[in-house]
Protein backbone atom coordinates (compact mmCIF):
# COMPACT_ATOMS: atom_id res chain seq x y z
CA UNK A 1 -18.60 -21.82 -7.56
CA UNK A 2 -19.52 -19.08 -9.90
CA UNK A 3 -17.36 -16.19 -10.43
CA UNK A 4 -20.16 -13.59 -9.24
CA UNK A 5 -20.82 -15.71 -6.29
CA UNK A 6 -17.04 -16.00 -5.28
CA UNK A 7 -16.44 -12.33 -5.60
CA UNK A 8 -19.42 -11.42 -3.68
CA UNK A 9 -18.43 -13.64 -0.88
CA UNK A 10 -15.06 -12.33 -1.07
CA UNK A 11 -16.02 -8.43 -0.74
CA UNK A 12 -18.88 -9.20 1.87
CA UNK A 13 -17.18 -11.68 4.18
CA UNK A 14 -14.78 -9.06 6.10
CA UNK A 15 -17.91 -6.76 6.27
CA UNK A 16 -19.87 -9.42 7.97
CA UNK A 17 -17.05 -10.06 10.39
CA UNK A 18 -16.85 -6.28 11.14
CA UNK A 19 -20.47 -6.35 11.96
CA UNK A 20 -20.04 -9.27 14.47
CA UNK A 21 -17.24 -7.25 16.13
CA UNK A 22 -19.65 -4.26 16.61
CA UNK A 23 -21.30 -6.35 19.56
CA UNK A 24 -19.41 -5.87 22.77
CA UNK A 25 -17.46 -9.17 23.58
CA UNK A 26 -14.16 -10.41 25.29
CA UNK A 27 -10.85 -9.23 23.65
CA UNK A 28 -10.04 -12.73 23.01
CA UNK A 29 -13.10 -13.80 21.45
CA UNK A 30 -12.98 -10.61 19.33
CA UNK A 31 -9.34 -11.29 17.92
CA UNK A 32 -10.47 -15.00 17.16
CA UNK A 33 -13.30 -13.86 15.26
CA UNK A 34 -11.20 -11.19 13.31
CA UNK A 35 -8.57 -13.89 12.68
CA UNK A 36 -11.06 -16.32 11.39
CA UNK A 37 -12.70 -13.99 9.16
CA UNK A 38 -9.27 -12.67 7.78
CA UNK A 39 -8.07 -16.42 7.31
CA UNK A 40 -11.36 -17.36 5.46
CA UNK A 41 -11.07 -13.94 3.13
CA UNK A 42 -7.54 -14.98 2.30
CA UNK A 43 -8.76 -18.43 0.97
CA UNK A 44 -11.43 -16.89 -1.02
CA UNK A 45 -8.89 -14.29 -2.37
CA UNK A 46 -6.48 -17.22 -3.52
CA UNK A 47 -9.41 -18.88 -5.26
CA UNK A 48 -10.12 -15.72 -7.20
CA UNK A 49 -6.57 -15.51 -8.17
CA UNK A 50 -6.61 -18.85 -9.33
CA UNK A 51 -9.70 -18.23 -11.43
CA UNK A 52 -8.61 -15.02 -12.80
CA UNK A 53 -8.27 -14.95 -16.61
CA UNK A 54 -10.34 -18.00 -16.85
CA UNK A 55 -13.56 -16.28 -16.58
CA UNK A 56 -14.96 -13.10 -18.27
CA UNK A 57 -16.37 -10.34 -15.77
CA UNK A 58 -19.60 -11.79 -14.47
CA UNK A 59 -22.77 -9.60 -14.07
CA UNK A 60 -23.26 -8.73 -10.27
CA UNK A 61 -26.03 -6.57 -8.57
CA UNK A 62 -28.77 -5.27 -10.78
CA UNK A 63 -30.48 -1.98 -9.68
CA UNK A 64 -33.63 -1.53 -11.82
CA UNK A 65 -34.73 1.67 -10.13
CA UNK A 66 -31.63 3.06 -11.56
CA UNK A 67 -31.59 1.46 -14.85
CA UNK A 68 -27.87 0.02 -14.45
CA UNK A 69 -26.23 -3.34 -13.69
CA UNK A 70 -23.12 -3.41 -11.89
CA UNK A 71 -20.27 -5.85 -12.76
CA UNK A 72 -17.70 -7.85 -10.83
CA UNK A 73 -14.48 -9.40 -11.91
CA UNK A 74 -10.86 -9.12 -11.77
CA UNK A 75 -7.67 -8.40 -14.03
CA UNK A 76 -4.35 -9.40 -13.53
CA UNK A 77 -3.18 -6.60 -11.34
CA UNK A 78 -6.30 -6.73 -9.16
CA UNK A 79 -5.97 -10.50 -8.80
CA UNK A 80 -2.68 -10.13 -7.22
CA UNK A 81 -3.81 -7.43 -4.84
CA UNK A 82 -6.60 -9.50 -3.63
CA UNK A 83 -4.39 -12.28 -1.87
CA UNK A 84 -2.02 -9.59 -0.77
CA UNK A 85 -4.69 -7.33 0.97
CA UNK A 86 -6.18 -10.34 2.81
CA UNK A 87 -2.81 -11.68 3.81
CA UNK A 88 -1.75 -8.08 5.10
CA UNK A 89 -4.92 -7.89 7.14
CA UNK A 90 -4.30 -11.51 8.65
CA UNK A 91 -0.77 -10.61 9.40
CA UNK A 92 -1.90 -7.45 11.03
CA UNK A 93 -4.17 -9.07 13.23
CA UNK A 94 -2.12 -11.89 14.28
CA UNK A 95 1.08 -10.09 14.92
CA UNK A 96 -0.07 -6.77 16.47
CA UNK A 97 0.40 -6.30 20.21
CA UNK A 98 -2.76 -7.17 22.05
CA UNK A 99 -2.90 -3.90 23.76
CA UNK A 100 -3.25 -1.68 20.59
CA UNK A 101 -5.67 -3.96 18.70
CA UNK A 102 -8.82 -3.57 20.31
CA UNK A 103 -12.38 -4.12 18.96
CA UNK A 104 -12.40 -0.88 17.07
CA UNK A 105 -9.21 -1.31 15.61
CA UNK A 106 -10.21 -4.87 14.31
CA UNK A 107 -13.62 -3.74 13.07
CA UNK A 108 -11.89 -0.79 11.09
CA UNK A 109 -9.37 -3.03 9.55
CA UNK A 110 -11.91 -5.49 8.31
CA UNK A 111 -14.36 -2.82 7.05
CA UNK A 112 -11.07 -1.13 5.11
CA UNK A 113 -10.37 -4.53 3.94
CA UNK A 114 -14.06 -5.20 2.24
CA UNK A 115 -13.75 -1.64 0.63
CA UNK A 116 -10.19 -2.39 -0.81
CA UNK A 117 -11.54 -5.76 -2.08
CA UNK A 118 -14.53 -4.32 -3.44
CA UNK A 119 -12.68 -1.50 -5.36
CA UNK A 120 -10.30 -4.12 -6.98
CA UNK A 121 -13.39 -6.25 -7.83
CA UNK A 122 -15.72 -3.58 -9.27
CA UNK A 123 -15.65 -3.44 -13.14
CA UNK A 124 -17.80 -0.18 -13.45
CA UNK A 125 -16.26 3.21 -12.68
CA UNK A 126 -18.99 4.50 -10.27
CA UNK A 127 -18.95 1.47 -8.02
CA UNK A 128 -15.17 1.60 -8.09
CA UNK A 129 -15.00 5.20 -7.32
CA UNK A 130 -17.72 4.45 -4.44
CA UNK A 131 -15.58 1.79 -2.92
CA UNK A 132 -12.49 3.97 -2.90
CA UNK A 133 -14.39 6.55 -1.24
CA UNK A 134 -15.55 3.99 1.41
CA UNK A 135 -11.77 3.03 2.09
CA UNK A 136 -11.72 6.35 4.38
CA UNK A 137 -14.83 5.61 6.27
CA UNK A 138 -13.15 3.60 9.07
CA UNK A 139 -10.60 6.24 9.63
CA UNK A 140 -13.23 9.00 9.46
CA UNK A 141 -15.08 7.16 12.11
CA UNK A 142 -12.16 6.84 14.24
CA UNK A 143 -11.30 10.29 14.03
CA UNK A 144 -14.51 11.57 14.97
CA UNK A 145 -13.87 10.90 18.75
CA UNK A 146 -10.13 12.29 18.76
CA UNK A 147 -8.95 15.78 19.76
CA UNK A 148 -7.05 18.61 18.19
CA UNK A 149 -4.00 16.75 17.75
CA UNK A 150 -5.78 14.98 14.73
CA UNK A 151 -6.62 18.16 12.94
CA UNK A 152 -3.94 17.59 10.00
CA UNK A 153 -5.46 14.18 9.49
CA UNK A 154 -8.88 15.52 9.47
CA UNK A 155 -8.05 18.41 6.95
CA UNK A 156 -6.34 16.11 4.40
CA UNK A 157 -9.02 13.60 4.89
CA UNK A 158 -11.52 16.24 3.98
CA UNK A 159 -9.29 17.36 1.12
CA UNK A 160 -9.09 13.76 -0.41
CA UNK A 161 -12.63 13.15 0.14
CA UNK A 162 -14.75 16.05 -0.87
CA UNK A 163 -13.19 16.11 -4.60
CA UNK A 164 -13.87 12.44 -4.85
CA UNK A 165 -17.47 12.80 -3.67
CA UNK A 166 -17.72 15.15 -6.35
CA UNK A 167 -16.27 12.96 -9.16
CA UNK A 168 -18.46 9.97 -7.75
CA UNK A 169 -21.54 12.19 -7.87
CA UNK A 170 -20.75 13.34 -11.54
CA UNK A 171 -20.10 9.86 -12.95
CA UNK A 172 -22.82 8.43 -11.31
CA UNK A 173 -25.33 11.07 -12.63
CA UNK A 174 -24.06 10.79 -16.17
CA UNK A 175 -24.08 7.03 -16.06
CA UNK A 176 -27.70 7.23 -14.87
CA UNK A 177 -28.94 9.82 -17.38
CA UNK A 178 -27.36 8.06 -20.24
CA UNK A 179 -27.98 4.45 -19.09
CA UNK A 180 -24.35 3.66 -19.66
CA UNK A 181 -23.18 0.89 -17.12
CA UNK A 182 -19.44 1.17 -18.19
CA UNK A 183 -18.80 4.96 -18.61
CA UNK A 184 -15.01 4.11 -19.39
CA UNK A 185 -16.12 3.08 -22.90
CA UNK A 186 -18.30 5.74 -23.98
CA UNK A 187 -19.80 8.01 -21.59
CA UNK A 188 -16.60 10.31 -20.80
CA UNK A 189 -16.06 10.37 -24.45
CA UNK A 190 -19.13 12.52 -25.23
CA UNK A 191 -18.13 15.07 -22.53
CA UNK A 192 -16.69 18.33 -23.13
CA UNK A 193 -12.95 18.99 -22.76
CA UNK A 194 -13.58 21.25 -19.85
CA UNK A 195 -15.69 18.72 -17.87
CA UNK A 196 -13.10 15.96 -18.78
CA UNK A 197 -10.31 18.09 -17.25
CA UNK A 198 -12.42 18.83 -14.27
CA UNK A 199 -13.13 15.30 -13.56
CA UNK A 200 -9.34 14.43 -14.28
CA UNK A 201 -8.49 17.32 -11.60
CA UNK A 202 -11.05 15.97 -8.93
CA UNK A 203 -9.54 12.37 -9.09
CA UNK A 204 -6.06 13.48 -9.18
CA UNK A 205 -6.22 15.55 -5.97
CA UNK A 206 -8.17 12.71 -4.27
CA UNK A 207 -5.28 10.31 -5.45
CA UNK A 208 -2.42 12.47 -4.42
CA UNK A 209 -4.20 13.03 -0.86
CA UNK A 210 -4.50 9.29 -0.27
CA UNK A 211 -0.81 8.76 -1.63
CA UNK A 212 0.57 11.27 0.95
CA UNK A 213 2.32 12.93 -1.74
CA UNK A 214 3.83 16.52 -0.98
CA UNK A 215 2.18 18.69 -0.17
CA UNK A 216 -0.87 16.56 0.93
CA UNK A 217 1.78 14.41 3.26
CA UNK A 218 1.51 15.95 6.85
CA UNK A 219 -1.23 13.79 7.81
CA UNK A 220 0.68 10.52 7.64
CA UNK A 221 3.38 11.19 10.57
CA UNK A 222 0.58 12.01 12.65
CA UNK A 223 -1.31 8.95 11.70
CA UNK A 224 1.89 6.80 12.03
CA UNK A 225 2.99 8.31 15.25
CA UNK A 226 -0.55 8.29 17.15
CA UNK A 227 -2.78 6.14 15.35
CA UNK A 228 -3.85 2.45 15.93
CA UNK A 229 -4.03 1.93 11.93
CA UNK A 230 -1.09 -0.11 10.70
CA UNK A 231 1.05 0.07 7.34
CA UNK A 232 -1.20 -2.59 5.96
CA UNK A 233 -4.39 -0.23 5.80
CA UNK A 234 -2.24 2.57 4.35
CA UNK A 235 -0.90 -0.01 1.73
CA UNK A 236 -4.51 -0.76 0.79
CA UNK A 237 -5.20 3.26 0.07
CA UNK A 238 -2.04 3.39 -1.82
CA UNK A 239 -2.58 0.32 -4.20
CA UNK A 240 -5.91 1.50 -4.86
CA UNK A 241 -4.55 4.87 -5.82
CA UNK A 242 -2.13 3.32 -7.93
CA UNK A 243 -4.70 1.24 -9.49
CA UNK A 244 -7.00 4.20 -10.13
CA UNK A 245 -4.06 6.14 -11.91
CA UNK A 246 -3.14 3.37 -14.17
CA UNK A 247 -6.40 1.61 -14.96
CA UNK A 248 -8.97 4.49 -14.60
CA UNK A 249 -7.55 7.84 -15.29
CA UNK A 250 -5.03 7.21 -17.62
CA UNK A 251 -7.22 5.18 -20.02
CA UNK A 252 -10.42 7.21 -19.51
CA UNK A 253 -8.97 10.52 -19.82
CA UNK A 254 -5.65 10.03 -22.09
CA UNK A 255 -5.65 13.63 -23.32
CA UNK A 256 -5.70 15.14 -19.87
CA UNK A 257 -3.47 12.70 -18.49
CA UNK A 258 -0.62 13.61 -21.16
CA UNK A 259 -1.06 17.22 -20.09
CA UNK A 260 -0.63 16.52 -16.33
CA UNK A 261 1.80 13.75 -16.39
CA UNK A 262 4.99 15.70 -16.51
CA UNK A 263 3.91 17.93 -13.81
CA UNK A 264 2.85 14.85 -11.75
CA UNK A 265 5.99 13.22 -12.49
CA UNK A 266 8.29 15.96 -11.14
CA UNK A 267 6.03 16.41 -8.02
CA UNK A 268 6.69 12.55 -7.33
CA UNK A 269 10.12 12.89 -7.82
CA UNK A 270 10.56 15.92 -5.71
CA UNK A 271 8.37 14.14 -3.01
CA UNK A 272 10.60 11.02 -2.88
CA UNK A 273 13.75 13.27 -2.08
CA UNK A 274 11.68 15.36 0.39
CA UNK A 275 10.67 12.24 2.26
CA UNK A 276 14.12 10.57 2.29
CA UNK A 277 15.67 13.90 3.69
CA UNK A 278 12.98 14.01 6.48
CA UNK A 279 13.30 10.41 7.12
CA UNK A 280 17.13 10.57 7.81
CA UNK A 281 16.74 13.20 10.38
CA UNK A 282 14.00 11.32 12.52
CA UNK A 283 14.70 9.99 16.03
CA UNK A 284 11.38 8.20 16.28
CA UNK A 285 11.01 5.07 14.38
CA UNK A 286 7.39 5.47 13.90
CA UNK A 287 7.92 8.91 12.38
CA UNK A 288 10.85 7.69 10.27
CA UNK A 289 8.62 4.95 8.60
CA UNK A 290 6.08 7.55 8.04
CA UNK A 291 8.52 9.64 5.97
CA UNK A 292 10.00 6.54 4.15
CA UNK A 293 6.38 5.94 3.29
CA UNK A 294 6.15 9.47 1.78
CA UNK A 295 9.15 9.07 -0.04
CA UNK A 296 8.15 5.67 -1.56
CA UNK A 297 4.89 7.19 -2.77
CA UNK A 298 6.89 9.96 -4.52
CA UNK A 299 8.82 7.27 -6.24
CA UNK A 300 5.35 5.31 -7.43
CA UNK A 301 3.91 8.51 -8.64
CA UNK A 302 7.04 9.34 -10.66
CA UNK A 303 7.42 5.67 -11.95
CA UNK A 304 3.61 5.59 -13.10
CA UNK A 305 3.58 9.17 -14.74
CA UNK A 306 7.17 9.32 -16.08
CA UNK A 307 7.66 5.51 -17.05
CA UNK A 308 7.17 3.77 -20.10
CA UNK A 309 6.36 -0.01 -20.96
CA UNK A 310 8.54 -1.42 -18.08
CA UNK A 311 7.86 1.58 -15.72
CA UNK A 312 4.43 0.40 -15.11
CA UNK A 313 5.09 -3.37 -14.06
CA UNK A 314 8.25 -1.85 -11.95
CA UNK A 315 5.89 0.57 -10.18
CA UNK A 316 3.13 -2.33 -9.56
CA UNK A 317 5.96 -4.65 -8.41
CA UNK A 318 7.44 -1.67 -6.10
CA UNK A 319 3.77 -1.31 -4.54
CA UNK A 320 3.81 -5.01 -3.79
CA UNK A 321 7.06 -4.94 -2.25
CA UNK A 322 6.16 -1.98 0.04
CA UNK A 323 3.20 -3.60 1.22
CA UNK A 324 5.10 -6.73 2.61
CA UNK A 325 8.58 -4.86 3.90
CA UNK A 326 6.78 -1.91 5.43
CA UNK A 327 4.10 -3.95 7.08
CA UNK A 328 6.87 -6.26 8.63
CA UNK A 329 8.85 -3.29 9.90
CA UNK A 330 5.86 -1.58 11.36
CA UNK A 331 5.11 -4.58 13.11
CA UNK A 332 8.61 -5.05 14.30
CA UNK A 333 8.35 -1.22 15.64
CA UNK A 334 5.06 -1.96 17.41
CA UNK A 335 6.67 -5.01 19.14
CA UNK A 336 9.79 -2.84 20.20
CA UNK A 337 7.29 -0.33 21.58
CA UNK A 338 5.28 -3.10 23.45
CA UNK A 339 8.41 -4.17 25.32
CA UNK A 340 10.19 -1.16 25.92
CA UNK A 341 7.69 1.72 26.16
CA UNK A 342 9.24 3.85 23.33
CA UNK A 343 10.12 3.97 19.52
CA UNK A 344 12.99 6.38 20.17
CA UNK A 345 16.33 5.62 18.19
CA UNK A 346 18.29 5.08 21.62
CA UNK A 347 21.88 4.06 20.62
CA UNK A 348 22.20 2.39 24.00
CA UNK A 349 19.20 0.01 23.50
CA UNK A 350 21.55 -2.84 22.77
CA UNK A 351 18.43 -5.03 21.41
CA UNK A 352 20.56 -7.53 19.38
CA UNK A 353 21.58 -9.38 22.67
CA UNK A 354 18.30 -9.48 24.27
CA UNK A 355 16.04 -10.02 21.25
CA UNK A 356 18.21 -11.37 18.27
CA UNK A 357 15.20 -12.64 16.33
CA UNK A 358 13.66 -9.42 16.28
CA UNK A 359 16.94 -7.69 15.29
CA UNK A 360 17.46 -10.41 12.37
CA UNK A 361 13.98 -9.87 10.96
CA UNK A 362 14.28 -6.02 11.09
CA UNK A 363 17.58 -6.24 9.25
CA UNK A 364 16.25 -8.63 6.52
CA UNK A 365 13.14 -6.50 6.05
CA UNK A 366 15.20 -3.45 5.82
CA UNK A 367 17.39 -5.11 3.20
CA UNK A 368 14.41 -5.66 1.24
CA UNK A 369 12.99 -2.41 1.30
CA UNK A 370 16.47 -0.97 -0.01
CA UNK A 371 16.58 -3.50 -2.85
CA UNK A 372 18.91 -6.12 -1.79
CA UNK A 373 19.70 -8.34 -4.82
CA UNK A 374 17.42 -11.64 -4.52
CA UNK A 375 14.21 -9.60 -3.22
CA UNK A 376 11.36 -8.29 -4.77
CA UNK A 377 12.62 -4.75 -4.15
CA UNK A 378 15.61 -5.01 -6.03
CA UNK A 379 13.67 -6.19 -9.10
CA UNK A 380 11.10 -3.29 -8.94
CA UNK A 381 13.43 -0.48 -8.13
CA UNK A 382 15.63 -1.74 -11.11
CA UNK A 383 12.68 -1.85 -13.67
CA UNK A 384 11.31 1.42 -12.24
CA UNK A 385 14.70 3.53 -12.38
CA UNK A 386 15.94 1.97 -15.66
CA UNK A 387 12.45 3.02 -17.60
CA UNK A 388 11.93 6.49 -15.76
CA UNK A 389 15.44 7.61 -15.99
CA UNK A 390 15.64 6.53 -19.78
CA UNK A 391 12.60 8.44 -20.46
CA UNK A 392 12.93 11.65 -18.58
CA UNK A 393 16.42 11.78 -16.98
CA UNK A 394 16.23 15.24 -15.78
CA UNK A 395 12.86 15.09 -14.06
CA UNK A 396 13.45 11.74 -12.48
CA UNK A 397 17.06 12.56 -11.44
CA UNK A 398 16.02 13.09 -7.62
CA UNK A 399 15.06 9.45 -7.43
CA UNK A 400 18.53 8.39 -7.27
CA UNK A 401 19.67 10.29 -4.28
CA UNK A 402 16.08 9.55 -2.48
CA UNK A 403 16.77 5.72 -2.88
CA UNK A 404 20.34 6.18 -1.56
CA UNK A 405 19.22 8.39 1.51
CA UNK A 406 16.48 5.72 2.29
CA UNK A 407 18.96 3.03 2.55
CA UNK A 408 21.30 4.86 4.68
CA UNK A 409 18.26 5.77 6.94
CA UNK A 410 16.98 2.02 7.47
CA UNK A 411 20.74 0.84 8.34
CA UNK A 412 21.32 3.73 10.55
CA UNK A 413 17.91 2.84 12.47
CA UNK A 414 19.18 -0.85 12.66
CA UNK A 415 22.45 0.43 13.78
CA UNK A 416 21.16 2.54 16.49
CA UNK A 417 18.34 0.58 17.58
CA UNK A 418 19.86 -2.84 17.87
CA UNK A 419 23.86 -2.91 17.71
CA UNK A 420 24.38 -0.09 20.50
CA UNK A 421 25.85 -1.00 23.65
CA UNK A 422 23.62 -2.52 26.58
CA UNK A 423 21.93 -0.38 29.15
CA UNK A 424 23.34 -0.23 32.74
CA UNK A 425 21.90 -2.90 34.80
CA UNK A 426 19.68 -0.64 36.90
CA UNK A 427 17.61 0.49 33.78
CA UNK A 428 14.66 -1.70 32.93
CA UNK A 429 15.55 -3.70 29.86
CA UNK A 430 13.64 -5.70 27.35
CA UNK A 431 14.22 -9.24 27.79
CA UNK A 432 11.30 -11.02 25.63
CA UNK A 433 12.14 -11.59 21.91
CA UNK A 434 9.46 -12.29 19.06
CA UNK A 435 6.30 -14.45 20.10
CA UNK A 436 5.79 -17.45 18.11
CA UNK A 437 2.79 -15.63 16.34
CA UNK A 438 4.96 -12.66 15.44
CA UNK A 439 7.93 -14.68 14.40
CA UNK A 440 6.11 -16.82 12.01
CA UNK A 441 4.18 -14.05 10.38
CA UNK A 442 7.16 -11.86 9.97
CA UNK A 443 9.17 -14.80 8.51
CA UNK A 444 6.38 -15.40 5.97
CA UNK A 445 6.79 -11.85 4.83
CA UNK A 446 10.31 -12.24 4.36
CA UNK A 447 9.84 -15.57 2.50
CA UNK A 448 7.30 -14.14 0.40
CA UNK A 449 9.84 -11.31 -0.64
CA UNK A 450 12.73 -13.77 -1.53
CA UNK A 451 10.44 -16.21 -3.34
CA UNK A 452 8.91 -13.27 -5.31
CA UNK A 453 12.15 -11.62 -6.15
CA UNK A 454 13.34 -14.86 -7.79
CA UNK A 455 10.37 -15.17 -9.93
CA UNK A 456 8.92 -11.39 -10.36
CA UNK A 457 7.85 -12.03 -13.90
CA UNK A 458 4.47 -13.71 -12.48
CA UNK A 459 3.77 -10.96 -10.59
CA UNK A 460 4.45 -8.07 -13.17
CA UNK A 461 1.44 -6.28 -14.94
CA UNK A 462 1.88 -5.55 -17.76
CA UNK A 463 4.17 -8.81 -17.84
CA UNK A 464 7.81 -8.59 -18.02
CA UNK A 465 9.57 -9.83 -21.07
CA UNK A 466 10.30 -13.50 -20.83
CA UNK A 467 13.66 -14.37 -19.51
CA UNK A 468 14.24 -11.05 -17.53
CA UNK A 469 14.87 -11.35 -13.72
CA UNK A 470 13.81 -15.00 -13.62
CA UNK A 471 16.71 -16.26 -11.32
CA UNK A 472 18.95 -15.11 -8.58
CA UNK A 473 22.08 -15.13 -10.58
CA UNK A 474 20.37 -12.74 -13.08
CA UNK A 475 19.78 -10.40 -10.15
CA UNK A 476 23.24 -10.50 -8.79
CA UNK A 477 24.48 -9.97 -12.40
CA UNK A 478 22.47 -6.90 -12.83
CA UNK A 479 23.42 -5.79 -9.55
CA UNK A 480 26.97 -6.05 -10.25
CA UNK A 481 26.43 -3.97 -13.43
CA UNK A 482 24.64 -1.24 -11.55
CA UNK A 483 27.46 -1.12 -8.96
CA UNK A 484 30.53 -1.59 -11.20
CA UNK A 485 33.04 1.55 -11.19
CA UNK A 486 32.57 2.40 -14.73
CA UNK A 487 28.70 2.55 -14.48
CA UNK A 488 28.34 4.63 -11.21
């Protein structure tokens, strides 16, 4: 199969499945259709990963009336994002509670997956920005039917969409006017400095809104608390935003990037600490995860803007780790809600006795999220912190207490939700542990975190220096050096 056909099928298959789901059908049939579509998409994504690097970017759709030709292809980082996007979609469909994964939810999830895959496959800037814009369409369609409680989400969705629409229109107009299909190479170079700074500002505002970086963060707790969309969808936007920063804005506008990078790094470090403080005081598991995501988004922004040669692979590995850990944690939280009717941190719940598998999975995912040795989170945080603190120790200083507070938050949540005393017998109790479909999907996430933690060099982009973090003993040795009394 040619690379063009493979990538075209990969991008269009979830959209085709979403179109089938627009026809009213039984809930079971809708889930089977969505599951089959996600499974086939995962297979195509793995095939694209195996072919990455062996083929040059292939020509895609030609638009004669515009005088341009769009190109499809994958680089090293995009090739890794493709199977992970497909995997998180499949895991979300399989493990989500049936009552909260209706036909509208499944349709929105598949449309978001299609737009995300298109973003990572697009090689031309107008097409890539168009897919980035389309990733917000399913959420906008759902919010059109909601009430006043969703006003913060609508406001920030508008704030992140309008600048991007202007940027897409500007780049598309310039590409059509000059006939240049890849404006990254020659088009923007000819723009006046003011136009380049304006384009950079528009893109950065949209990226910060998608990342939920302070002060563009208040929509995320509302969406996590009341919305049906899962962390997997949020991770797709986060990974695309990170790719836009590192592969588009930074190489396309180097002078403007050098001007705004210190301010963005300070904003990210402050957002990491701010989100960690708010997550610590939450009494609801959903809101706690939302503010932890705000903290992690700030960490990524600081790593990309303040980091050097190893800061970029550290930020990318941290992004991959976030997708696996927080998707699993959110699915566990939704399983708790489906069984108990609440996500409040009640110290009298005592879920360990009644749901030991659920408690074990939550603990393992929590340890991976806080960077336990032997997991991908440990390697990514170590790379990111070493490089960021080495390059800008004062600007990146808030990252240290932020990560410590995040670890305290997750361990405290586990203690209160699972290790408390059992309720009195007259109180309704959760007696059902993880179902087989939930158990195996979450264990898959845990296994991937551990395996990738042992061999992270194959995931990093740019590649990590040979010999670093290639074994479990190296991870434990580095962890020992970091926690030794003389190095604290």
